[in-house]
Protein backbone atom coordinates (compact mmCIF):
# COMPACT_ATOMS: atom_id res chain seq x y z
CA MET A 1 38.20 -96.51 -9.13
CA PHE A 2 40.02 -93.16 -9.03
CA GLY A 3 40.45 -92.67 -5.29
CA ARG A 4 41.43 -96.23 -4.33
CA GLY A 5 44.48 -96.81 -6.52
CA ILE A 6 44.83 -99.64 -9.00
CA GLY A 7 42.78 -102.73 -8.21
CA PRO A 8 42.89 -106.26 -9.61
CA LEU A 9 40.42 -105.48 -12.40
CA GLU A 10 42.51 -102.56 -13.64
CA ILE A 11 45.69 -104.65 -13.58
CA PHE A 12 43.91 -107.39 -15.55
CA LEU A 13 42.74 -104.87 -18.15
CA ILE A 14 46.25 -103.44 -18.49
CA VAL A 15 47.69 -106.94 -19.03
CA VAL A 16 45.06 -107.72 -21.68
CA VAL A 17 45.77 -104.47 -23.54
CA VAL A 18 49.54 -105.12 -23.42
CA LEU A 19 49.03 -108.64 -24.78
CA ILE A 20 46.87 -107.31 -27.60
CA VAL A 21 49.30 -104.53 -28.52
CA PHE A 22 52.61 -106.41 -28.26
CA GLY A 23 51.57 -110.05 -28.57
CA ALA A 24 52.65 -112.95 -26.38
CA GLY A 25 55.89 -113.50 -28.32
CA ARG A 26 57.32 -110.04 -27.69
CA LEU A 27 56.13 -109.79 -24.09
CA PRO A 28 59.43 -110.98 -22.51
CA GLU A 29 61.37 -108.51 -24.67
CA VAL A 30 59.10 -105.64 -23.67
CA GLY A 31 59.34 -106.60 -19.99
CA ARG A 32 63.13 -106.75 -20.21
CA GLY A 33 63.24 -103.32 -21.81
CA ILE A 34 60.99 -101.81 -19.17
CA GLY A 35 63.08 -103.40 -16.40
CA THR A 36 66.30 -102.03 -17.89
CA ALA A 37 64.79 -98.56 -18.21
CA ILE A 38 63.65 -98.59 -14.57
CA LYS A 39 67.09 -99.78 -13.43
CA GLU A 40 68.84 -96.98 -15.36
CA PHE A 41 66.37 -94.42 -14.03
CA ARG A 42 66.96 -95.50 -10.43
CA GLY A 43 70.72 -95.49 -11.01
CA THR A 44 70.58 -91.96 -12.36
CA ILE A 45 68.49 -90.79 -9.41
CA GLY A 46 70.90 -92.49 -7.00
CA ASN A 47 73.93 -90.89 -8.64
CA LYS A 48 72.29 -87.47 -8.46
CA ASN A 49 71.53 -87.90 -4.75
CA ASP A 50 75.09 -89.15 -4.10
CA SER A 51 76.62 -86.14 -5.85
CA GLU A 52 74.34 -83.76 -3.93
CA THR A 53 75.39 -85.40 -0.66
CA ALA A 54 79.06 -85.11 -1.60
CA ASP A 55 78.60 -81.45 -2.54
CA SER A 56 76.88 -80.66 0.75
CA GLU A 57 79.65 -82.44 2.69
CA LYS A 58 82.28 -80.38 0.84
CA SER A 59 80.47 -77.14 1.60
CA GLU A 60 80.14 -78.12 5.27
CA ALA A 61 83.88 -78.85 5.41
CA LYS A 62 84.63 -75.42 3.90
CA ASP A 63 82.32 -73.76 6.43
CA ASP A 64 84.12 -75.58 9.25
CA GLU A 65 87.50 -74.39 7.94
CA LYS A 66 86.28 -70.78 7.75
CA SER A 67 84.91 -70.82 11.29
CA ALA A 68 88.10 -72.33 12.74
């Protein structure tokens, strides 16, 4: 159970617990909220990586100017 990752039984138990806690009526709303949160998280990570890449390109350009 611990070394193999999440199997079908564990996924089934998670779904049952979520249904008990939130109910079938609110399940689409909860799923939408989780999806939005994941999308924002990935966007933030992507923006951070893009800015780091831009910063490294700027520093490389400055190094090239100094060596020339």
